[in-house]
Amino acid sequence: MPVLAGVMEWPYLQAIRDAFIGFALPMIIVGSMFLILSFPPVPQGTSVPWLAAMAGWADRYRPVLMVPFQMSFGLMAFLVSFGVAYNLAVAYRLPEPAHAGLVAGAALCIVSVPVGVSAAGISTVPLGVFLQGLGGEGLFVGIALALWTGETFRWFRQRGLILRLPEGVPPKVIRSFESIVPAFVVLLGAWALEWFVSTHFTVQLAVGGQSGGGAGTPARTPATLPLWVTQALGPLVRASNSYPSALLQIVLMMLLWSVGIHGMNMVSAVAYPFWTTALQANVAAASAGQPLPYIVTEPFYHMYAHLGGSGATLPLVFMMLRSRVPQLRQVGKVALLPGIFNINEPVTFGLPIAFNPLMIIPFVAAPALIVTTNYLAMSWGWVARPLAQLPLTVPVFLGGYLADGSWTGAALQAVDLMISTLVYYPFFRAWEKRLLAASPPAPAAE
């Protein structure tokens, strides 16, 4: 496993992962709270007066309620771009990592404006088109620009191609001037690239964008780099929404956890841009009153497949609490409270599951069956598709209800818990018998 551990520490993957967790995730969660207010989890056509009043209030004020969402969750690519460049600069021990982050964010803003199509300048660009480049549709470009920015800053500093001021100048001023040359190169390159794209390509506006055609006719507009790349990668994003992709991702997560590597972090470093792009497309579709197009998003895993933590181990905690093995009962007591909030390291390493061939089997099989069940239920329309990304610590049932705004989400979690219980039970009993055979019988718990 040294190879996998080395990959996990690769500066690019680490910078991307930490950018999502440290910079984007707080704003994503805050934005999702406003999304829940905009689309309250109220049964359609409810006859309960106060629920009907809540739904009517949300319908009336939805455009206003969505503004905080659009200015938090909707700036995801900008936040991630800043975070990736910042983290990469930290990894390279550059003196002012925030400068790299700011330049990467500015570069993303430049490529989000079709600079080559209007003599009137930026004032003629619709705000909606600009914001699309800073949100989910700009993630891939934002990450690429951030990596390029970090490498450019390092390249210029290693070769001494920076502006140097005389001694006696305040250190902050010195470091600011040292960033001017690489910043100019990055922004010049971003501007030239966007000029070429906006003068040679057009794109079809996404759901909820401006429309210049007849009623119901999607308009084509001069491209920005984020929109052009997103539409070019459309088949890849749609492929990530397929059942084979969903199954492969969960199996890979569990196999990595089985050898002591944080599977969610490893997979999400690659998959997160796809998940968040899909989730934002769901939000855009909901705002336009259209069916949600995507199933495989971040809450598809965190709210439904990771009940009690990775591996859906919450039922396993209750089995340990009733175990005849004192060691397992003690682990169950320690793991109960974290498990309720979907944290299961005490189970993974205390039972243990990691490096335990017997328990690895259900650890992989249970989430795989859950993902299969959930994917089919959502694709057949039995359960609403995820709309909101919540903190991973939201307990079972509440998380399912809020993630898709429907009681069907909580019901699906109940089914998932039953699947997990049925899969884990025989393997847990076999492991318990093995421990009992290896040690003197313990007195039964009172």
Protein backbone atom coordinates (compact mmCIF):
# COMPACT_ATOMS: atom_id res chain seq x y z
CA MET A 1 0.00 0.00 0.00
CA PRO A 2 2.91 2.47 -0.05
CA VAL A 3 1.97 3.38 -3.63
CA LEU A 4 -1.59 4.34 -2.64
CA ALA A 5 -0.36 6.25 0.38
CA GLY A 6 2.06 8.11 -1.88
CA VAL A 7 -0.71 8.99 -4.31
CA MET A 8 -2.79 10.28 -1.42
CA GLU A 9 0.04 12.66 -0.51
CA TRP A 10 0.55 13.90 -4.09
CA PRO A 11 0.50 17.72 -3.79
CA TYR A 12 -2.15 18.18 -6.50
CA LEU A 13 -4.64 15.74 -4.96
CA GLN A 14 -3.94 17.01 -1.48
CA ALA A 15 -4.44 20.63 -2.57
CA ILE A 16 -7.75 19.80 -4.28
CA ARG A 17 -9.06 17.73 -1.37
CA ASP A 18 -8.12 20.34 1.25
CA ALA A 19 -9.58 23.14 -0.87
CA PHE A 20 -12.99 21.47 -0.88
CA ILE A 21 -12.86 20.67 2.82
CA GLY A 22 -11.23 23.85 4.13
CA PHE A 23 -12.52 26.55 1.78
CA ALA A 24 -15.63 25.41 -0.10
CA LEU A 25 -17.39 23.05 2.32
CA PRO A 26 -18.45 25.65 4.94
CA MET A 27 -20.01 27.84 2.23
CA ILE A 28 -21.61 24.83 0.53
CA ILE A 29 -23.29 23.84 3.80
CA VAL A 30 -24.42 27.40 4.60
CA GLY A 31 -25.76 27.76 1.07
CA SER A 32 -27.60 24.46 1.39
CA MET A 33 -29.40 25.80 4.46
CA PHE A 34 -30.83 28.61 2.35
CA LEU A 35 -31.65 26.04 -0.32
CA ILE A 36 -33.74 24.12 2.22
CA LEU A 37 -35.55 27.36 3.08
CA SER A 38 -36.19 27.97 -0.62
CA PHE A 39 -37.46 24.41 -1.16
CA PRO A 40 -38.85 23.41 2.26
CA PRO A 41 -39.40 19.68 2.82
CA VAL A 42 -43.20 19.94 2.66
CA PRO A 43 -45.34 17.20 1.04
CA GLN A 44 -46.76 18.40 -2.26
CA GLY A 45 -50.43 19.33 -2.02
CA THR A 46 -50.44 19.12 1.78
CA SER A 47 -53.69 19.99 3.54
CA VAL A 48 -51.99 20.93 6.82
CA PRO A 49 -52.50 24.72 7.09
CA TRP A 50 -49.14 25.70 8.50
CA LEU A 51 -47.25 23.45 6.06
CA ALA A 52 -49.23 24.87 3.13
CA ALA A 53 -48.47 28.39 4.38
CA MET A 54 -44.77 27.56 4.59
CA ALA A 55 -44.76 26.20 1.03
CA GLY A 56 -46.61 29.26 -0.24
CA TRP A 57 -44.20 31.60 1.52
CA ALA A 58 -41.22 29.79 -0.03
CA ASP A 59 -42.77 29.95 -3.51
CA ARG A 60 -43.40 33.67 -3.16
CA TYR A 61 -39.95 34.61 -1.86
CA ARG A 62 -37.83 31.97 -3.59
CA PRO A 63 -35.93 34.43 -5.83
CA VAL A 64 -34.93 36.42 -2.74
CA LEU A 65 -34.11 33.34 -0.66
CA MET A 66 -31.87 31.97 -3.41
CA VAL A 67 -29.56 35.01 -3.37
CA PRO A 68 -27.53 33.84 -0.32
CA PHE A 69 -27.39 30.38 -1.88
CA GLN A 70 -26.09 31.76 -5.18
CA MET A 71 -23.50 33.90 -3.38
CA SER A 72 -22.18 30.99 -1.27
CA PHE A 73 -22.79 27.57 -2.85
CA GLY A 74 -22.97 29.34 -6.21
CA LEU A 75 -19.37 30.63 -5.86
CA MET A 76 -18.00 27.13 -5.34
CA ALA A 77 -15.51 27.21 -8.23
CA PHE A 78 -14.08 30.54 -7.07
CA LEU A 79 -13.63 29.24 -3.52
CA VAL A 80 -12.07 25.98 -4.69
CA SER A 81 -9.78 27.79 -7.15
CA PHE A 82 -8.51 30.05 -4.38
CA GLY A 83 -8.10 27.09 -2.02
CA VAL A 84 -6.23 24.86 -4.48
CA ALA A 85 -3.73 27.58 -5.41
CA TYR A 86 -3.32 28.54 -1.75
CA ASN A 87 -2.74 24.94 -0.62
CA LEU A 88 -0.33 24.25 -3.45
CA ALA A 89 1.65 27.38 -2.57
CA VAL A 90 1.78 26.22 1.05
CA ALA A 91 3.03 22.80 -0.09
CA TYR A 92 5.74 24.53 -2.15
CA ARG A 93 6.63 26.79 0.82
CA LEU A 94 6.00 29.99 -1.11
CA PRO A 95 6.15 33.09 1.14
CA GLU A 96 2.64 34.48 0.47
CA PRO A 97 0.27 31.63 -0.47
CA ALA A 98 -2.73 33.95 -0.32
CA HIS A 99 -1.36 35.84 -3.33
CA ALA A 100 -1.46 32.68 -5.43
CA GLY A 101 -5.05 32.05 -4.28
CA LEU A 102 -6.17 35.56 -5.16
CA VAL A 103 -4.55 35.40 -8.59
CA ALA A 104 -6.18 32.05 -9.33
CA GLY A 105 -9.57 33.49 -8.34
CA ALA A 106 -8.98 36.54 -10.53
CA ALA A 107 -8.00 34.30 -13.45
CA LEU A 108 -11.25 32.37 -13.06
CA CYS A 109 -13.20 35.64 -13.09
CA ILE A 110 -11.47 36.66 -16.33
CA VAL A 111 -12.26 33.41 -18.15
CA SER A 112 -15.89 33.65 -16.96
CA VAL A 113 -16.44 36.76 -19.09
CA PRO A 114 -16.67 36.51 -22.93
CA VAL A 115 -14.04 39.22 -23.39
CA GLY A 116 -13.78 39.07 -27.16
CA VAL A 117 -17.35 39.66 -28.30
CA SER A 118 -18.38 43.14 -27.21
CA ALA A 119 -16.79 46.55 -27.65
CA ALA A 120 -18.92 47.82 -24.76
CA GLY A 121 -16.90 45.80 -22.23
CA ILE A 122 -17.82 43.88 -19.13
CA SER A 123 -20.94 45.95 -18.35
CA THR A 124 -22.86 44.16 -21.14
CA VAL A 125 -22.22 40.65 -19.77
CA PRO A 126 -25.29 39.19 -18.01
CA LEU A 127 -24.62 38.52 -14.33
CA GLY A 128 -26.06 35.02 -14.69
CA VAL A 129 -23.49 34.09 -17.35
CA PHE A 130 -20.65 35.42 -15.19
CA LEU A 131 -21.83 33.59 -12.07
CA GLN A 132 -22.15 30.31 -13.94
CA GLY A 133 -18.40 30.35 -14.42
CA LEU A 134 -17.81 30.86 -10.69
CA GLY A 135 -20.13 28.04 -9.62
CA GLY A 136 -20.30 24.33 -10.28
CA GLU A 137 -19.87 24.75 -14.02
CA GLY A 138 -16.50 26.38 -13.48
CA LEU A 139 -15.03 23.75 -11.18
CA PHE A 140 -12.86 21.94 -13.70
CA VAL A 141 -11.46 25.16 -15.15
CA GLY A 142 -11.04 26.69 -11.67
CA ILE A 143 -8.99 23.72 -10.47
CA ALA A 144 -6.85 23.72 -13.62
CA LEU A 145 -6.19 27.47 -13.35
CA ALA A 146 -5.31 27.09 -9.67
CA LEU A 147 -2.78 24.33 -10.35
CA TRP A 148 -1.28 26.39 -13.18
CA THR A 149 -1.09 29.43 -10.90
CA GLY A 150 0.70 27.51 -8.15
CA GLU A 151 3.21 26.08 -10.61
CA THR A 152 3.78 29.48 -12.23
CA PHE A 153 4.48 31.14 -8.88
CA ARG A 154 6.93 28.37 -7.98
CA TRP A 155 8.66 28.46 -11.38
CA PHE A 156 9.29 32.20 -11.26
CA ARG A 157 10.50 32.10 -7.66
CA GLN A 158 12.86 29.17 -8.23
CA ARG A 159 14.50 31.05 -11.12
CA GLY A 160 14.59 34.39 -9.33
CA LEU A 161 12.38 36.04 -11.96
CA ILE A 162 10.68 38.33 -9.48
CA LEU A 163 10.79 42.04 -8.68
CA ARG A 164 13.22 42.72 -5.85
CA LEU A 165 13.04 45.85 -3.71
CA PRO A 166 15.93 47.39 -1.75
CA GLU A 167 16.49 46.64 1.90
CA GLY A 168 14.47 48.62 4.38
CA VAL A 169 11.18 48.14 2.57
CA PRO A 170 8.52 46.49 4.79
CA PRO A 171 8.37 42.70 4.27
CA LYS A 172 4.70 42.78 3.25
CA VAL A 173 5.49 45.25 0.48
CA ILE A 174 8.44 43.14 -0.68
CA ARG A 175 6.32 39.98 -0.90
CA SER A 176 3.57 41.86 -2.75
CA PHE A 177 6.02 43.05 -5.41
CA GLU A 178 7.50 39.55 -5.70
CA SER A 179 4.05 38.32 -6.82
CA ILE A 180 3.58 40.89 -9.59
CA VAL A 181 5.44 39.11 -12.40
CA PRO A 182 3.88 35.64 -11.98
CA ALA A 183 0.47 37.25 -11.40
CA PHE A 184 0.79 39.21 -14.64
CA VAL A 185 1.74 36.07 -16.57
CA VAL A 186 -1.20 34.09 -15.17
CA LEU A 187 -3.78 36.80 -15.81
CA LEU A 188 -2.40 37.56 -19.27
CA GLY A 189 -2.63 33.89 -20.17
CA ALA A 190 -6.19 33.62 -18.81
CA TRP A 191 -7.26 36.72 -20.77
CA ALA A 192 -5.71 35.49 -24.03
CA LEU A 193 -7.26 32.05 -23.61
CA GLU A 194 -10.73 33.49 -22.95
CA TRP A 195 -10.41 35.86 -25.91
CA PHE A 196 -9.74 32.89 -28.19
CA VAL A 197 -12.60 30.80 -26.75
CA SER A 198 -15.21 33.57 -26.79
CA THR A 199 -14.44 34.53 -30.40
CA HIS A 200 -14.36 30.98 -31.79
CA PHE A 201 -16.99 28.99 -29.87
CA THR A 202 -20.57 29.25 -28.68
CA VAL A 203 -22.37 27.32 -25.98
CA GLN A 204 -25.96 26.54 -25.10
CA LEU A 205 -27.00 28.23 -21.89
CA ALA A 206 -27.77 25.96 -18.96
CA VAL A 207 -31.14 25.66 -17.27
CA GLY A 208 -32.08 28.96 -15.72
CA GLY A 209 -29.77 31.02 -17.95
CA GLN A 210 -30.66 33.83 -20.29
CA SER A 211 -32.58 32.90 -23.38
CA GLY A 212 -32.51 34.72 -26.63
CA GLY A 213 -34.66 32.40 -28.67
CA GLY A 214 -38.35 31.75 -28.77
CA ALA A 215 -40.27 30.32 -25.87
CA GLY A 216 -38.71 27.07 -24.77
CA THR A 217 -35.76 27.48 -27.20
CA PRO A 218 -32.38 27.36 -25.44
CA ALA A 219 -30.15 30.22 -26.62
CA ARG A 220 -26.58 29.89 -27.83
CA THR A 221 -24.16 32.52 -26.62
CA PRO A 222 -20.46 33.28 -27.12
CA ALA A 223 -18.58 30.83 -24.95
CA THR A 224 -16.70 31.39 -21.77
CA LEU A 225 -14.00 28.87 -20.96
CA PRO A 226 -15.87 27.33 -17.96
CA LEU A 227 -19.11 26.87 -19.93
CA TRP A 228 -17.29 25.53 -22.97
CA VAL A 229 -15.27 23.01 -20.94
CA THR A 230 -18.32 21.95 -18.92
CA GLN A 231 -20.36 21.25 -22.04
CA ALA A 232 -17.40 19.48 -23.65
CA LEU A 233 -17.12 17.28 -20.53
CA GLY A 234 -20.89 16.73 -20.41
CA PRO A 235 -20.64 13.07 -21.49
CA LEU A 236 -18.07 12.44 -18.75
CA VAL A 237 -20.27 14.06 -16.08
CA ARG A 238 -23.24 12.01 -17.30
CA ALA A 239 -21.10 8.86 -17.23
CA SER A 240 -20.20 9.56 -13.61
CA ASN A 241 -23.95 9.53 -12.91
CA SER A 242 -24.31 5.94 -14.15
CA TYR A 243 -24.86 2.92 -11.92
CA PRO A 244 -21.49 1.29 -12.79
CA SER A 245 -19.73 4.51 -11.82
CA ALA A 246 -21.67 4.80 -8.55
CA LEU A 247 -20.88 1.18 -7.67
CA LEU A 248 -17.21 1.49 -8.59
CA GLN A 249 -16.81 4.58 -6.43
CA ILE A 250 -18.34 3.04 -3.30
CA VAL A 251 -16.42 -0.23 -3.69
CA LEU A 252 -13.16 1.66 -4.13
CA MET A 253 -13.90 3.74 -1.01
CA MET A 254 -14.48 0.64 1.09
CA LEU A 255 -11.45 -1.25 -0.24
CA LEU A 256 -9.21 1.68 0.62
CA TRP A 257 -10.69 1.93 4.12
CA SER A 258 -10.07 -1.81 4.49
CA VAL A 259 -6.33 -1.22 4.32
CA GLY A 260 -6.36 1.83 6.58
CA ILE A 261 -6.53 4.56 3.90
CA HIS A 262 -9.29 7.19 4.12
CA GLY A 263 -11.36 6.00 1.16
CA MET A 264 -13.75 8.94 1.03
CA ASN A 265 -10.90 11.47 0.91
CA MET A 266 -9.08 9.49 -1.75
CA VAL A 267 -12.06 9.08 -4.07
CA SER A 268 -13.55 12.50 -3.46
CA ALA A 269 -10.29 14.20 -4.48
CA VAL A 270 -11.10 13.01 -8.01
CA ALA A 271 -14.91 12.71 -7.91
CA TYR A 272 -15.88 15.86 -6.01
CA PRO A 273 -15.96 18.13 -9.08
CA PHE A 274 -18.36 15.69 -10.76
CA TRP A 275 -20.56 15.41 -7.65
CA THR A 276 -20.85 19.14 -7.12
CA THR A 277 -21.43 19.88 -10.80
CA ALA A 278 -24.27 17.34 -10.76
CA LEU A 279 -25.72 18.74 -7.52
CA GLN A 280 -25.73 22.28 -8.87
CA ALA A 281 -27.46 21.06 -12.02
CA ASN A 282 -30.14 19.55 -9.75
CA VAL A 283 -30.57 22.90 -8.00
CA ALA A 284 -30.86 24.71 -11.33
CA ALA A 285 -33.46 22.20 -12.52
CA ALA A 286 -35.46 22.54 -9.29
CA SER A 287 -35.40 26.34 -9.62
CA ALA A 288 -36.77 26.01 -13.16
CA GLY A 289 -39.47 23.55 -12.06
CA GLN A 290 -37.90 20.68 -14.01
CA PRO A 291 -37.09 17.08 -12.93
CA LEU A 292 -33.75 16.65 -11.21
CA PRO A 293 -31.33 15.11 -13.71
CA TYR A 294 -28.65 13.57 -11.47
CA ILE A 295 -28.51 10.87 -8.81
CA VAL A 296 -24.80 10.42 -8.03
CA THR A 297 -23.88 13.45 -5.94
CA GLU A 298 -22.11 13.99 -2.63
CA PRO A 299 -25.27 13.48 -0.50
CA PHE A 300 -26.00 10.27 -2.44
CA TYR A 301 -23.05 8.80 -0.56
CA HIS A 302 -22.86 10.75 2.69
CA MET A 303 -26.57 10.79 3.49
CA TYR A 304 -27.54 7.33 2.22
CA ALA A 305 -24.54 5.01 1.84
CA HIS A 306 -22.55 6.11 4.91
CA LEU A 307 -25.13 5.55 7.65
CA GLY A 308 -23.12 5.66 10.86
CA GLY A 309 -19.98 6.33 8.82
CA SER A 310 -18.25 4.69 5.87
CA GLY A 311 -19.47 1.15 5.43
CA ALA A 312 -22.94 1.85 6.85
CA THR A 313 -21.78 0.53 10.23
CA LEU A 314 -24.47 1.97 12.52
CA PRO A 315 -26.28 -1.41 12.91
CA LEU A 316 -22.92 -2.97 13.73
CA VAL A 317 -22.57 -0.64 16.72
CA PHE A 318 -25.82 -1.95 18.22
CA MET A 319 -24.71 -5.53 17.61
CA MET A 320 -21.51 -4.84 19.55
CA LEU A 321 -23.48 -3.36 22.44
CA ARG A 322 -25.21 -6.73 22.90
CA SER A 323 -22.12 -8.85 22.26
CA ARG A 324 -20.97 -11.64 24.56
CA VAL A 325 -17.39 -10.40 24.16
CA PRO A 326 -16.51 -7.66 26.68
CA GLN A 327 -14.02 -6.10 24.28
CA LEU A 328 -16.70 -5.68 21.61
CA ARG A 329 -19.21 -4.29 24.11
CA GLN A 330 -16.66 -1.71 25.17
CA VAL A 331 -15.97 -0.71 21.56
CA GLY A 332 -19.73 -0.44 21.00
CA LYS A 333 -20.11 1.96 23.93
CA VAL A 334 -17.29 4.14 22.66
CA ALA A 335 -18.60 4.06 19.07
CA LEU A 336 -22.29 4.74 19.78
CA LEU A 337 -22.29 8.54 20.02
CA PRO A 338 -19.86 9.11 17.13
CA GLY A 339 -21.83 6.57 15.06
CA ILE A 340 -25.08 8.49 15.52
CA PHE A 341 -23.29 11.43 13.90
CA ASN A 342 -21.80 9.27 11.11
CA ILE A 343 -18.26 9.00 12.48
CA ASN A 344 -17.07 5.43 12.67
CA GLU A 345 -13.30 5.30 13.13
CA PRO A 346 -13.85 3.56 16.52
CA VAL A 347 -15.61 0.74 14.65
CA THR A 348 -13.22 0.59 11.70
CA PHE A 349 -10.14 0.31 13.86
CA GLY A 350 -11.64 -0.95 17.14
CA LEU A 351 -13.67 -3.98 16.01
CA PRO A 352 -11.51 -3.99 13.85
CA ILE A 353 -12.68 -3.94 10.22
CA ALA A 354 -9.46 -2.67 8.67
CA PHE A 355 -7.06 -5.53 7.84
CA ASN A 356 -9.69 -8.04 9.01
CA PRO A 357 -10.51 -10.32 6.03
CA LEU A 358 -13.70 -11.63 7.63
CA MET A 359 -15.24 -8.21 8.31
CA ILE A 360 -13.99 -6.60 5.10
CA ILE A 361 -16.49 -8.73 3.15
CA PRO A 362 -19.66 -7.13 4.64
CA PHE A 363 -17.87 -3.78 4.87
CA VAL A 364 -17.71 -3.75 1.07
CA ALA A 365 -20.89 -5.72 0.35
CA ALA A 366 -23.32 -3.70 2.51
CA PRO A 367 -22.58 -0.29 0.93
CA ALA A 368 -22.54 -1.88 -2.54
CA LEU A 369 -26.04 -3.31 -2.00
CA ILE A 370 -27.21 -0.02 -0.51
CA VAL A 371 -25.92 1.98 -3.48
CA THR A 372 -27.58 -0.49 -5.85
CA THR A 373 -30.91 -0.22 -4.01
CA ASN A 374 -30.74 3.56 -3.76
CA TYR A 375 -29.77 4.07 -7.39
CA LEU A 376 -32.66 1.93 -8.59
CA ALA A 377 -35.14 3.59 -6.22
CA MET A 378 -34.14 7.06 -7.40
CA SER A 379 -33.90 6.20 -11.08
CA TRP A 380 -37.39 4.62 -10.99
CA GLY A 381 -38.79 7.71 -9.27
CA TRP A 382 -39.72 5.96 -6.02
CA VAL A 383 -37.45 8.26 -3.99
CA ALA A 384 -36.66 11.92 -4.62
CA ARG A 385 -33.15 12.70 -5.85
CA PRO A 386 -30.67 14.64 -3.64
CA LEU A 387 -30.97 18.40 -3.72
CA ALA A 388 -29.09 19.72 -0.66
CA GLN A 389 -25.62 18.96 0.67
CA LEU A 390 -25.66 18.72 4.46
CA PRO A 391 -22.93 18.31 7.07
CA LEU A 392 -21.87 14.66 7.19
CA THR A 393 -22.75 14.61 10.92
CA VAL A 394 -26.52 15.05 10.38
CA PRO A 395 -28.11 11.95 11.99
CA VAL A 396 -29.98 9.25 10.10
CA PHE A 397 -33.60 10.02 9.06
CA LEU A 398 -33.17 13.76 9.55
CA GLY A 399 -30.42 13.75 6.93
CA GLY A 400 -32.46 11.72 4.46
CA TYR A 401 -35.48 13.96 4.92
CA LEU A 402 -33.54 17.19 4.41
CA ALA A 403 -31.24 16.01 1.60
CA ASP A 404 -34.07 15.51 -0.89
CA GLY A 405 -36.87 17.45 0.83
CA SER A 406 -39.12 14.42 1.07
CA TRP A 407 -40.15 11.74 3.56
CA THR A 408 -39.06 9.19 0.94
CA GLY A 409 -35.44 10.01 1.76
CA ALA A 410 -35.92 9.05 5.42
CA ALA A 411 -37.80 5.91 4.37
CA LEU A 412 -34.95 4.92 2.08
CA GLN A 413 -32.49 5.29 4.95
CA ALA A 414 -34.63 2.88 6.98
CA VAL A 415 -34.41 0.35 4.15
CA ASP A 416 -30.65 0.92 3.95
CA LEU A 417 -30.28 0.22 7.67
CA MET A 418 -32.14 -3.07 7.27
CA ILE A 419 -29.87 -4.06 4.39
CA SER A 420 -26.80 -3.23 6.45
CA THR A 421 -28.12 -5.24 9.42
CA LEU A 422 -28.81 -8.33 7.30
CA VAL A 423 -25.41 -8.20 5.63
CA TYR A 424 -23.33 -7.61 8.77
CA TYR A 425 -25.10 -9.96 11.19
CA PRO A 426 -23.70 -13.37 10.10
CA PHE A 427 -20.18 -12.02 9.73
CA PHE A 428 -20.32 -10.29 13.09
CA ARG A 429 -21.49 -13.50 14.76
CA ALA A 430 -18.66 -15.42 13.12
CA TRP A 431 -16.13 -12.84 14.34
CA GLU A 432 -17.66 -12.93 17.83
CA LYS A 433 -17.36 -16.72 17.97
CA ARG A 434 -13.75 -16.52 16.86
CA LEU A 435 -12.96 -14.07 19.68
CA LEU A 436 -14.81 -16.22 22.22
CA ALA A 437 -12.86 -19.27 21.15
CA ALA A 438 -9.59 -17.41 21.54
CA SER A 439 -10.27 -16.19 25.10
CA PRO A 440 -11.89 -17.45 28.30
CA PRO A 441 -15.70 -16.99 28.43
CA ALA A 442 -16.71 -13.60 29.79
CA PRO A 443 -19.68 -13.02 32.10
CA ALA A 444 -22.81 -11.84 30.29
CA ALA A 445 -23.57 -8.14 30.36
CA GLU A 446 -26.14 -7.07 32.91
